[in-house]
Protein backbone atom coordinates (compact mmCIF):
# COMPACT_ATOMS: atom_id res chain seq x y z
CA UNK A 1 -93.14 35.85 -18.85
CA UNK A 2 -93.84 35.82 -15.14
CA UNK A 3 -94.20 32.06 -15.13
CA UNK A 4 -90.80 31.56 -16.71
CA UNK A 5 -89.22 33.89 -14.18
CA UNK A 6 -90.68 31.93 -11.26
CA UNK A 7 -89.36 28.66 -12.64
CA UNK A 8 -85.88 30.14 -12.85
CA UNK A 9 -86.06 31.39 -9.27
CA UNK A 10 -87.08 27.90 -8.04
CA UNK A 11 -84.16 26.33 -9.88
CA UNK A 12 -81.76 28.82 -8.28
CA UNK A 13 -83.04 28.02 -4.77
CA UNK A 14 -82.44 24.23 -5.22
CA UNK A 15 -78.92 22.79 -4.52
CA UNK A 16 -76.85 22.01 -7.55
CA UNK A 17 -77.10 18.40 -8.55
CA UNK A 18 -73.96 16.27 -7.79
CA UNK A 19 -71.88 14.94 -10.55
CA UNK A 20 -72.22 11.17 -11.36
CA UNK A 21 -68.65 10.30 -10.20
CA UNK A 22 -69.21 11.93 -6.82
CA UNK A 23 -72.40 9.94 -6.32
CA UNK A 24 -70.55 6.63 -7.03
CA UNK A 25 -67.82 7.38 -4.46
CA UNK A 26 -70.38 8.32 -1.83
CA UNK A 27 -72.24 5.02 -2.35
CA UNK A 28 -68.99 3.03 -2.06
CA UNK A 29 -68.00 4.78 1.18
CA UNK A 30 -71.41 4.04 2.67
CA UNK A 31 -71.08 0.34 1.68
CA UNK A 32 -67.60 0.03 3.28
CA UNK A 33 -68.79 1.70 6.46
CA UNK A 34 -71.68 -0.72 6.66
CA UNK A 35 -69.47 -3.79 5.96
CA UNK A 36 -66.81 -3.14 8.65
CA UNK A 37 -68.94 -4.09 11.67
CA UNK A 38 -70.17 -7.23 9.92
CA UNK A 39 -66.58 -8.48 9.18
CA UNK A 40 -65.43 -7.77 12.72
CA UNK A 41 -68.41 -9.71 14.10
CA UNK A 42 -67.67 -12.68 11.82
CA UNK A 43 -63.95 -12.71 12.83
CA UNK A 44 -64.90 -12.61 16.51
CA UNK A 45 -67.27 -15.54 16.04
CA UNK A 46 -64.60 -17.68 14.31
CA UNK A 47 -61.88 -17.21 16.99
CA UNK A 48 -62.60 -18.86 20.38
CA UNK A 49 -62.59 -16.59 23.40
CA UNK A 50 -59.56 -18.27 25.01
CA UNK A 51 -57.47 -17.89 21.85
CA UNK A 52 -58.28 -14.30 20.94
CA UNK A 53 -55.14 -13.01 22.68
CA UNK A 54 -52.99 -15.67 21.06
CA UNK A 55 -54.36 -14.89 17.63
CA UNK A 56 -53.48 -11.25 18.06
CA UNK A 57 -49.80 -12.01 18.96
CA UNK A 58 -47.69 -12.92 15.88
CA UNK A 59 -45.81 -16.25 16.19
CA UNK A 60 -42.06 -15.94 15.60
CA UNK A 61 -40.72 -18.31 12.91
CA UNK A 62 -38.57 -21.23 14.05
CA UNK A 63 -34.84 -20.42 13.96
CA UNK A 64 -32.67 -21.93 11.26
CA UNK A 65 -30.17 -23.24 13.78
CA UNK A 66 -32.88 -25.13 15.61
CA UNK A 67 -34.08 -26.67 12.36
CA UNK A 68 -30.57 -27.65 11.30
CA UNK A 69 -29.42 -28.91 14.72
CA UNK A 70 -30.44 -32.60 14.21
CA UNK A 71 -28.68 -32.68 10.83
CA UNK A 72 -25.57 -31.02 12.26
CA UNK A 73 -25.45 -33.61 15.06
CA UNK A 74 -25.71 -36.45 12.53
CA UNK A 75 -22.91 -34.97 10.42
CA UNK A 76 -20.69 -34.55 13.51
CA UNK A 77 -21.27 -38.17 14.59
CA UNK A 78 -20.53 -39.38 11.05
CA UNK A 79 -17.22 -37.48 11.02
CA UNK A 80 -16.26 -38.98 14.42
CA UNK A 81 -17.02 -42.52 13.22
CA UNK A 82 -15.11 -42.00 9.97
CA UNK A 83 -12.12 -40.55 11.84
CA UNK A 84 -12.09 -43.43 14.33
CA UNK A 85 -12.29 -46.01 11.52
CA UNK A 86 -9.47 -44.28 9.64
CA UNK A 87 -7.29 -44.30 12.78
CA UNK A 88 -7.91 -48.04 13.28
CA UNK A 89 -7.15 -48.74 9.63
CA UNK A 90 -3.87 -46.79 9.80
CA UNK A 91 -2.75 -48.08 13.21
CA UNK A 92 -4.65 -51.26 14.14
CA UNK A 93 -4.56 -52.19 17.85
CA UNK A 94 -3.74 -55.77 18.80
CA UNK A 95 -6.52 -57.80 20.39
CA UNK A 96 -5.98 -61.12 22.16
CA UNK A 97 -7.51 -64.12 20.41
CA UNK A 98 -8.19 -67.72 21.40
CA UNK A 99 -8.37 -69.14 17.89
CA UNK A 100 -6.51 -70.75 16.27
CA UNK A 101 -4.83 -72.70 19.04
CA UNK A 102 -1.15 -71.86 19.45
CA UNK A 103 1.46 -74.25 20.82
CA UNK A 104 5.24 -74.46 20.57
CA UNK A 105 7.88 -77.12 21.08
CA UNK A 106 11.21 -76.17 22.67
CA UNK A 107 13.80 -78.07 24.62
CA UNK A 108 12.00 -81.38 24.25
CA UNK A 109 8.50 -80.37 25.46
CA UNK A 110 5.30 -78.76 24.25
CA UNK A 111 3.84 -75.64 25.80
CA UNK A 112 0.61 -73.69 25.25
CA UNK A 113 1.29 -70.45 27.11
CA UNK A 114 2.02 -68.38 24.00
CA UNK A 115 -0.32 -65.44 23.38
CA UNK A 116 -2.07 -64.92 20.05
CA UNK A 117 -2.98 -61.42 18.87
CA UNK A 118 -5.06 -60.25 15.92
CA UNK A 119 -4.90 -56.68 14.61
CA UNK A 120 -8.26 -55.03 14.10
CA UNK A 121 -9.26 -54.53 10.47
CA UNK A 122 -6.63 -57.07 9.36
CA UNK A 123 -8.39 -60.46 9.32
CA UNK A 124 -5.50 -62.41 7.74
CA UNK A 125 -2.75 -61.18 10.08
CA UNK A 126 -1.65 -62.83 13.38
CA UNK A 127 1.00 -62.07 15.96
CA UNK A 128 2.38 -64.79 18.23
CA UNK A 129 4.16 -63.78 21.44
CA UNK A 130 6.11 -66.40 23.39
CA UNK A 131 6.17 -65.86 27.16
CA UNK A 132 9.93 -65.25 27.07
CA UNK A 133 12.74 -65.08 24.55
CA UNK A 134 13.89 -68.47 23.35
CA UNK A 135 17.64 -68.67 22.86
CA UNK A 136 17.75 -64.87 23.25
CA UNK A 137 16.29 -64.48 19.78
CA UNK A 138 12.76 -65.79 19.26
CA UNK A 139 9.83 -64.13 21.00
CA UNK A 140 7.50 -62.37 18.54
CA UNK A 141 6.34 -63.80 15.21
CA UNK A 142 4.13 -62.20 12.57
CA UNK A 143 2.02 -64.46 10.35
CA UNK A 144 0.18 -63.35 7.23
CA UNK A 145 -2.14 -66.10 6.08
CA UNK A 146 -3.10 -64.43 2.79
CA UNK A 147 0.49 -63.91 1.66
CA UNK A 148 1.66 -67.14 3.37
CA UNK A 149 4.51 -65.33 5.10
CA UNK A 150 5.97 -65.91 8.56
CA UNK A 151 8.40 -63.32 9.89
CA UNK A 152 10.49 -62.88 13.00
CA UNK A 153 9.11 -59.68 14.43
CA UNK A 154 9.64 -57.31 17.34
CA UNK A 155 7.27 -56.32 20.09
CA UNK A 156 4.93 -53.58 18.75
CA UNK A 157 6.05 -50.14 19.85
CA UNK A 158 2.88 -48.22 18.98
CA UNK A 159 -0.06 -47.61 21.30
CA UNK A 160 -3.73 -47.10 20.54
CA UNK A 161 -5.92 -46.13 23.51
CA UNK A 162 -3.61 -48.01 25.87
CA UNK A 163 -3.32 -51.13 23.70
CA UNK A 164 -0.34 -52.34 21.72
CA UNK A 165 -0.72 -51.50 18.05
CA UNK A 166 1.04 -51.83 14.73
CA UNK A 167 1.12 -49.60 11.70
CA UNK A 168 -0.06 -50.94 8.42
CA UNK A 169 2.83 -49.29 6.61
CA UNK A 170 5.48 -50.94 8.81
CA UNK A 171 7.43 -53.95 7.58
CA UNK A 172 6.19 -57.35 8.71
CA UNK A 173 9.60 -58.38 9.99
CA UNK A 174 12.38 -60.75 8.97
CA UNK A 175 10.96 -63.28 6.52
CA UNK A 176 11.86 -66.76 7.79
CA UNK A 177 11.12 -68.81 4.69
CA UNK A 178 14.26 -70.69 3.60
CA UNK A 179 16.28 -68.59 6.02
CA UNK A 180 19.10 -70.37 7.84
CA UNK A 181 19.51 -69.36 11.48
CA UNK A 182 21.26 -71.06 14.40
CA UNK A 183 22.69 -73.71 12.13
CA UNK A 184 19.37 -74.78 10.60
CA UNK A 185 16.91 -73.62 8.00
CA UNK A 186 13.39 -72.53 8.82
CA UNK A 187 10.59 -74.54 7.25
CA UNK A 188 7.11 -73.03 6.85
CA UNK A 189 3.90 -74.93 6.00
CA UNK A 190 0.46 -73.40 5.40
CA UNK A 191 -1.97 -76.32 5.64
CA UNK A 192 -5.76 -76.44 5.51
CA UNK A 193 -6.08 -76.95 9.26
CA UNK A 194 -2.77 -75.60 10.57
CA UNK A 195 0.18 -73.28 10.11
CA UNK A 196 3.53 -74.72 11.16
CA UNK A 197 6.95 -73.04 11.16
CA UNK A 198 10.04 -74.58 12.69
CA UNK A 199 13.80 -74.97 12.74
CA UNK A 200 16.11 -77.27 14.72
CA UNK A 201 15.51 -75.31 17.97
CA UNK A 202 11.87 -74.28 17.92
CA UNK A 203 8.56 -75.38 16.43
CA UNK A 204 5.41 -73.24 16.49
CA UNK A 205 1.96 -74.51 15.48
CA UNK A 206 -1.33 -72.72 14.88
CA UNK A 207 -4.10 -75.35 14.69
CA UNK A 208 -7.82 -75.08 14.03
CA UNK A 209 -8.41 -77.93 16.50
CA UNK A 210 -6.83 -78.42 19.89
CA UNK A 211 -4.18 -81.13 19.74
CA UNK A 212 -3.91 -83.98 22.21
CA UNK A 213 -0.30 -83.21 23.12
CA UNK A 214 -1.21 -79.83 24.56
CA UNK A 215 -1.36 -79.60 28.36
């Protein structure tokens, strides 16, 4: 009986044994505490000394406006080009041209001082301007090669960036084909190498080659 009593007293003096779950948590905490210094050492070894401060500062993401700026510039330029092309199409400016060669016959002699104009974006249209009015009537002529029409026109009243211009929607002028004026009928010929329109007072030629009679 005495021996059993002593064994009980020894068991009472010893600390109570920890539960299994508590022992698992304690082991995990000790493992984490031991791993922290190792991870910090590894991270320090990977980052160069000169870039440690940079690595610690977070980099701000690039702004959307900065990313979209090149595309916005391209879109703006495209709109400007389209608007400019639309303005030219609607109101083509007149540009001086040297071809075909223009000459006219009046009062018994040939002259080559008429001015030829071509509207931009209208490759089949011409405008012929004589240096002065002939018989107070004839000065500007409009010629449409595609439609084979010659018309007595007026000086263009529109302006485009300081240049004379026409409007595509405007009428070509007074059609001269088979029209009788000043006691004679106008005759119009569209040939392979020339365009000729004339009446008893005036003859105008547009030739692809320079004629010998021209001064």
